[in-house]
Amino acid sequence: MSDQVHEGGSSEVIVNRDGRILIPAQIRRDLRMTAGSTLLLSVEDGRVVLETREQLLDRMRREIAESWTGDPDTSVADELISERRVEAAGEDAR
């Protein structure tokens, strides 16, 4: 395994025979990872992605905000609640 961290925070690692990888010390320090830190693993476009719950939530919020086409002064949650109330009222009327 190479301990040299490349620009962009990437590093070359090797998967051992047990399927384990070692996150280089410098990356662990940079990301403030300690023993027992929990990471979520996902596969996106054929890539393995490791992130904390906080990073996942931040990414989801950012992606939702970027794709939001409604009124910028209206909260996405408020808009969803309003839509659901209209749908429920329609169902109750039937």
N, C-alpha and C. Protein backbone atom coordinates (compact mmCIF):
# COMPACT_ATOMS: atom_id res chain seq x y z
N MET A 1 0.84 -1.17 0.00
CA MET A 1 0.00 0.00 0.00
C MET A 1 0.87 1.22 0.00
N SER A 2 0.47 2.22 -0.75
CA SER A 2 1.18 3.48 -0.78
C SER A 2 0.58 4.42 0.25
N ASP A 3 1.44 5.00 1.11
CA ASP A 3 0.95 5.96 2.10
C ASP A 3 0.94 7.37 1.56
N GLN A 4 1.38 7.56 0.33
CA GLN A 4 1.43 8.90 -0.23
C GLN A 4 0.03 9.33 -0.67
N VAL A 5 -0.44 10.43 -0.11
CA VAL A 5 -1.76 10.95 -0.45
C VAL A 5 -1.61 11.87 -1.66
N HIS A 6 -2.41 11.64 -2.67
CA HIS A 6 -2.36 12.44 -3.89
C HIS A 6 -3.30 13.63 -3.76
N GLU A 7 -3.11 14.62 -4.59
CA GLU A 7 -3.99 15.80 -4.58
C GLU A 7 -5.44 15.37 -4.71
N GLY A 8 -6.33 16.02 -3.98
CA GLY A 8 -7.74 15.65 -4.00
C GLY A 8 -8.08 14.66 -2.91
N GLY A 9 -7.11 14.31 -2.08
CA GLY A 9 -7.38 13.41 -0.96
C GLY A 9 -7.48 11.95 -1.36
N SER A 10 -6.92 11.56 -2.49
CA SER A 10 -7.00 10.16 -2.88
C SER A 10 -5.66 9.48 -2.59
N SER A 11 -5.71 8.19 -2.48
CA SER A 11 -4.52 7.40 -2.19
C SER A 11 -4.74 6.01 -2.75
N GLU A 12 -3.67 5.35 -3.12
CA GLU A 12 -3.77 3.98 -3.61
C GLU A 12 -3.74 3.03 -2.42
N VAL A 13 -4.71 2.14 -2.36
CA VAL A 13 -4.76 1.14 -1.29
C VAL A 13 -4.93 -0.23 -1.92
N ILE A 14 -4.65 -1.26 -1.15
CA ILE A 14 -4.77 -2.63 -1.62
C ILE A 14 -5.81 -3.36 -0.77
N VAL A 15 -6.66 -4.13 -1.43
CA VAL A 15 -7.63 -4.96 -0.72
C VAL A 15 -6.90 -6.25 -0.34
N ASN A 16 -6.90 -6.58 0.97
CA ASN A 16 -6.20 -7.80 1.38
C ASN A 16 -7.08 -9.03 1.16
N ARG A 17 -6.58 -10.20 1.47
CA ARG A 17 -7.32 -11.43 1.17
C ARG A 17 -8.61 -11.55 1.96
N ASP A 18 -8.75 -10.80 3.06
CA ASP A 18 -9.99 -10.81 3.84
C ASP A 18 -10.97 -9.74 3.35
N GLY A 19 -10.60 -9.00 2.28
CA GLY A 19 -11.47 -7.96 1.75
C GLY A 19 -11.34 -6.63 2.47
N ARG A 20 -10.30 -6.49 3.27
CA ARG A 20 -10.11 -5.27 4.05
C ARG A 20 -9.16 -4.31 3.35
N ILE A 21 -9.40 -3.03 3.60
CA ILE A 21 -8.47 -2.01 3.14
C ILE A 21 -8.06 -1.18 4.35
N LEU A 22 -6.91 -0.55 4.25
CA LEU A 22 -6.44 0.32 5.31
C LEU A 22 -6.50 1.75 4.80
N ILE A 23 -7.24 2.60 5.51
CA ILE A 23 -7.30 4.01 5.14
C ILE A 23 -6.01 4.64 5.67
N PRO A 24 -5.21 5.25 4.80
CA PRO A 24 -3.93 5.80 5.23
C PRO A 24 -4.08 6.80 6.38
N ALA A 25 -3.07 6.81 7.25
CA ALA A 25 -3.09 7.63 8.47
C ALA A 25 -3.33 9.10 8.16
N GLN A 26 -2.70 9.63 7.12
CA GLN A 26 -2.87 11.06 6.83
C GLN A 26 -4.32 11.39 6.47
N ILE A 27 -4.97 10.52 5.72
CA ILE A 27 -6.38 10.73 5.37
C ILE A 27 -7.24 10.62 6.62
N ARG A 28 -6.95 9.64 7.48
CA ARG A 28 -7.71 9.52 8.73
C ARG A 28 -7.55 10.77 9.58
N ARG A 29 -6.34 11.29 9.65
CA ARG A 29 -6.11 12.53 10.42
C ARG A 29 -6.85 13.70 9.79
N ASP A 30 -6.72 13.85 8.46
CA ASP A 30 -7.37 14.96 7.76
C ASP A 30 -8.89 14.94 7.97
N LEU A 31 -9.48 13.74 8.01
CA LEU A 31 -10.93 13.60 8.15
C LEU A 31 -11.36 13.40 9.61
N ARG A 32 -10.40 13.47 10.52
CA ARG A 32 -10.67 13.32 11.96
C ARG A 32 -11.35 11.98 12.28
N MET A 33 -10.91 10.93 11.61
CA MET A 33 -11.41 9.59 11.89
C MET A 33 -10.62 9.00 13.05
N THR A 34 -11.32 8.34 13.94
CA THR A 34 -10.66 7.66 15.05
C THR A 34 -11.15 6.22 15.08
N ALA A 35 -10.49 5.40 15.88
CA ALA A 35 -10.92 4.01 16.03
C ALA A 35 -12.38 4.00 16.44
N GLY A 36 -13.19 3.21 15.77
CA GLY A 36 -14.61 3.13 16.09
C GLY A 36 -15.47 4.08 15.28
N SER A 37 -14.86 4.95 14.45
CA SER A 37 -15.65 5.83 13.59
C SER A 37 -16.53 4.98 12.67
N THR A 38 -17.78 5.40 12.48
CA THR A 38 -18.70 4.67 11.62
C THR A 38 -18.77 5.36 10.27
N LEU A 39 -18.63 4.57 9.23
CA LEU A 39 -18.75 5.07 7.86
C LEU A 39 -19.84 4.28 7.15
N LEU A 40 -20.52 4.93 6.23
CA LEU A 40 -21.52 4.27 5.39
C LEU A 40 -20.85 3.96 4.06
N LEU A 41 -21.05 2.76 3.55
CA LEU A 41 -20.48 2.36 2.28
C LEU A 41 -21.59 2.23 1.27
N SER A 42 -21.40 2.84 0.11
CA SER A 42 -22.37 2.70 -0.97
C SER A 42 -21.61 2.53 -2.28
N VAL A 43 -22.31 2.04 -3.29
CA VAL A 43 -21.73 1.90 -4.62
C VAL A 43 -22.50 2.85 -5.52
N GLU A 44 -21.79 3.78 -6.13
CA GLU A 44 -22.40 4.78 -7.01
C GLU A 44 -21.65 4.80 -8.33
N ASP A 45 -22.35 4.53 -9.41
CA ASP A 45 -21.74 4.50 -10.75
C ASP A 45 -20.50 3.61 -10.78
N GLY A 46 -20.57 2.46 -10.10
CA GLY A 46 -19.46 1.52 -10.10
C GLY A 46 -18.31 1.91 -9.20
N ARG A 47 -18.50 2.95 -8.36
CA ARG A 47 -17.46 3.39 -7.44
C ARG A 47 -17.87 3.07 -6.02
N VAL A 48 -16.90 2.75 -5.18
CA VAL A 48 -17.17 2.55 -3.75
C VAL A 48 -17.02 3.91 -3.08
N VAL A 49 -18.05 4.30 -2.33
CA VAL A 49 -18.04 5.59 -1.65
C VAL A 49 -18.18 5.34 -0.15
N LEU A 50 -17.29 5.91 0.63
CA LEU A 50 -17.35 5.85 2.09
C LEU A 50 -17.60 7.26 2.60
N GLU A 51 -18.59 7.42 3.47
CA GLU A 51 -18.86 8.73 4.05
C GLU A 51 -19.53 8.57 5.40
N THR A 52 -19.45 9.61 6.20
CA THR A 52 -20.11 9.60 7.50
C THR A 52 -21.59 9.90 7.29
N ARG A 53 -22.40 9.65 8.29
CA ARG A 53 -23.82 9.98 8.21
C ARG A 53 -24.00 11.47 7.96
N GLU A 54 -23.20 12.28 8.64
CA GLU A 54 -23.29 13.73 8.47
C GLU A 54 -22.97 14.14 7.04
N GLN A 55 -21.95 13.53 6.45
CA GLN A 55 -21.60 13.83 5.06
C GLN A 55 -22.73 13.42 4.12
N LEU A 56 -23.33 12.27 4.37
CA LEU A 56 -24.44 11.81 3.54
C LEU A 56 -25.61 12.78 3.62
N LEU A 57 -25.97 13.20 4.84
CA LEU A 57 -27.08 14.14 5.01
C LEU A 57 -26.77 15.48 4.33
N ASP A 58 -25.55 15.97 4.49
CA ASP A 58 -25.15 17.23 3.85
C ASP A 58 -25.25 17.11 2.33
N ARG A 59 -24.78 15.98 1.79
CA ARG A 59 -24.83 15.76 0.33
C ARG A 59 -26.27 15.70 -0.16
N MET A 60 -27.13 14.98 0.59
CA MET A 60 -28.53 14.87 0.20
C MET A 60 -29.21 16.24 0.23
N ARG A 61 -28.95 17.01 1.28
CA ARG A 61 -29.54 18.36 1.36
C ARG A 61 -29.09 19.22 0.20
N ARG A 62 -27.80 19.15 -0.13
CA ARG A 62 -27.25 19.95 -1.22
C ARG A 62 -27.88 19.54 -2.56
N GLU A 63 -27.99 18.22 -2.79
CA GLU A 63 -28.56 17.74 -4.05
C GLU A 63 -30.04 18.11 -4.17
N ILE A 64 -30.78 18.03 -3.07
CA ILE A 64 -32.19 18.41 -3.10
C ILE A 64 -32.32 19.90 -3.37
N ALA A 65 -31.49 20.70 -2.69
CA ALA A 65 -31.55 22.15 -2.88
C ALA A 65 -31.21 22.52 -4.33
N GLU A 66 -30.24 21.84 -4.92
CA GLU A 66 -29.85 22.12 -6.30
C GLU A 66 -30.94 21.76 -7.30
N SER A 67 -31.72 20.73 -6.99
CA SER A 67 -32.75 20.29 -7.93
C SER A 67 -34.11 20.92 -7.66
N TRP A 68 -34.25 21.68 -6.57
CA TRP A 68 -35.52 22.29 -6.19
C TRP A 68 -35.92 23.33 -7.23
N THR A 69 -37.13 23.17 -7.79
CA THR A 69 -37.61 24.10 -8.81
C THR A 69 -38.76 24.95 -8.31
N GLY A 70 -39.12 24.78 -7.05
CA GLY A 70 -40.23 25.54 -6.49
C GLY A 70 -39.81 26.93 -6.06
N ASP A 71 -40.68 27.58 -5.34
CA ASP A 71 -40.45 28.93 -4.83
C ASP A 71 -39.26 28.90 -3.88
N PRO A 72 -38.21 29.70 -4.14
CA PRO A 72 -37.03 29.68 -3.28
C PRO A 72 -37.30 30.13 -1.85
N ASP A 73 -38.41 30.84 -1.64
CA ASP A 73 -38.75 31.30 -0.30
C ASP A 73 -39.61 30.29 0.45
N THR A 74 -39.93 29.16 -0.18
CA THR A 74 -40.75 28.13 0.45
C THR A 74 -39.86 26.93 0.77
N SER A 75 -40.02 26.40 1.94
CA SER A 75 -39.25 25.22 2.33
C SER A 75 -39.76 24.00 1.57
N VAL A 76 -38.84 23.12 1.21
CA VAL A 76 -39.21 21.88 0.51
C VAL A 76 -40.16 21.07 1.38
N ALA A 77 -39.88 21.01 2.67
CA ALA A 77 -40.73 20.25 3.60
C ALA A 77 -42.13 20.84 3.65
N ASP A 78 -42.23 22.17 3.74
CA ASP A 78 -43.54 22.82 3.78
C ASP A 78 -44.32 22.56 2.50
N GLU A 79 -43.64 22.60 1.37
CA GLU A 79 -44.28 22.34 0.08
C GLU A 79 -44.80 20.90 0.03
N LEU A 80 -44.00 19.94 0.50
CA LEU A 80 -44.41 18.54 0.50
C LEU A 80 -45.61 18.34 1.42
N ILE A 81 -45.57 18.92 2.61
CA ILE A 81 -46.69 18.79 3.54
C ILE A 81 -47.96 19.37 2.94
N SER A 82 -47.84 20.52 2.29
CA SER A 82 -48.99 21.14 1.65
C SER A 82 -49.57 20.24 0.56
N GLU A 83 -48.69 19.66 -0.28
CA GLU A 83 -49.16 18.76 -1.33
C GLU A 83 -49.87 17.54 -0.74
N ARG A 84 -49.31 16.98 0.32
CA ARG A 84 -49.92 15.80 0.95
C ARG A 84 -51.28 16.13 1.56
N ARG A 85 -51.42 17.32 2.12
CA ARG A 85 -52.70 17.72 2.69
C ARG A 85 -53.77 17.85 1.61
N VAL A 86 -53.39 18.41 0.47
CA VAL A 86 -54.33 18.54 -0.66
C VAL A 86 -54.74 17.15 -1.14
N GLU A 87 -53.77 16.24 -1.26
CA GLU A 87 -54.08 14.87 -1.70
C GLU A 87 -55.00 14.17 -0.69
N ALA A 88 -54.72 14.33 0.59
CA ALA A 88 -55.54 13.70 1.63
C ALA A 88 -56.95 14.26 1.61
N ALA A 89 -57.09 15.56 1.42
CA ALA A 89 -58.43 16.17 1.36
C ALA A 89 -59.21 15.61 0.17
N GLY A 90 -58.52 15.41 -0.95
CA GLY A 90 -59.16 14.83 -2.13
C GLY A 90 -59.61 13.41 -1.89
N GLU A 91 -58.82 12.64 -1.17
CA GLU A 91 -59.17 11.26 -0.84
C GLU A 91 -60.36 11.23 0.13
N ASP A 92 -60.37 12.14 1.09
CA ASP A 92 -61.48 12.20 2.05
C ASP A 92 -62.79 12.59 1.38
N ALA A 93 -62.71 13.41 0.33
CA ALA A 93 -63.90 13.87 -0.37
C ALA A 93 -64.54 12.75 -1.20
N ARG A 94 -63.75 11.77 -1.57
CA ARG A 94 -64.27 10.66 -2.40
C ARG A 94 -65.08 9.76 -1.60
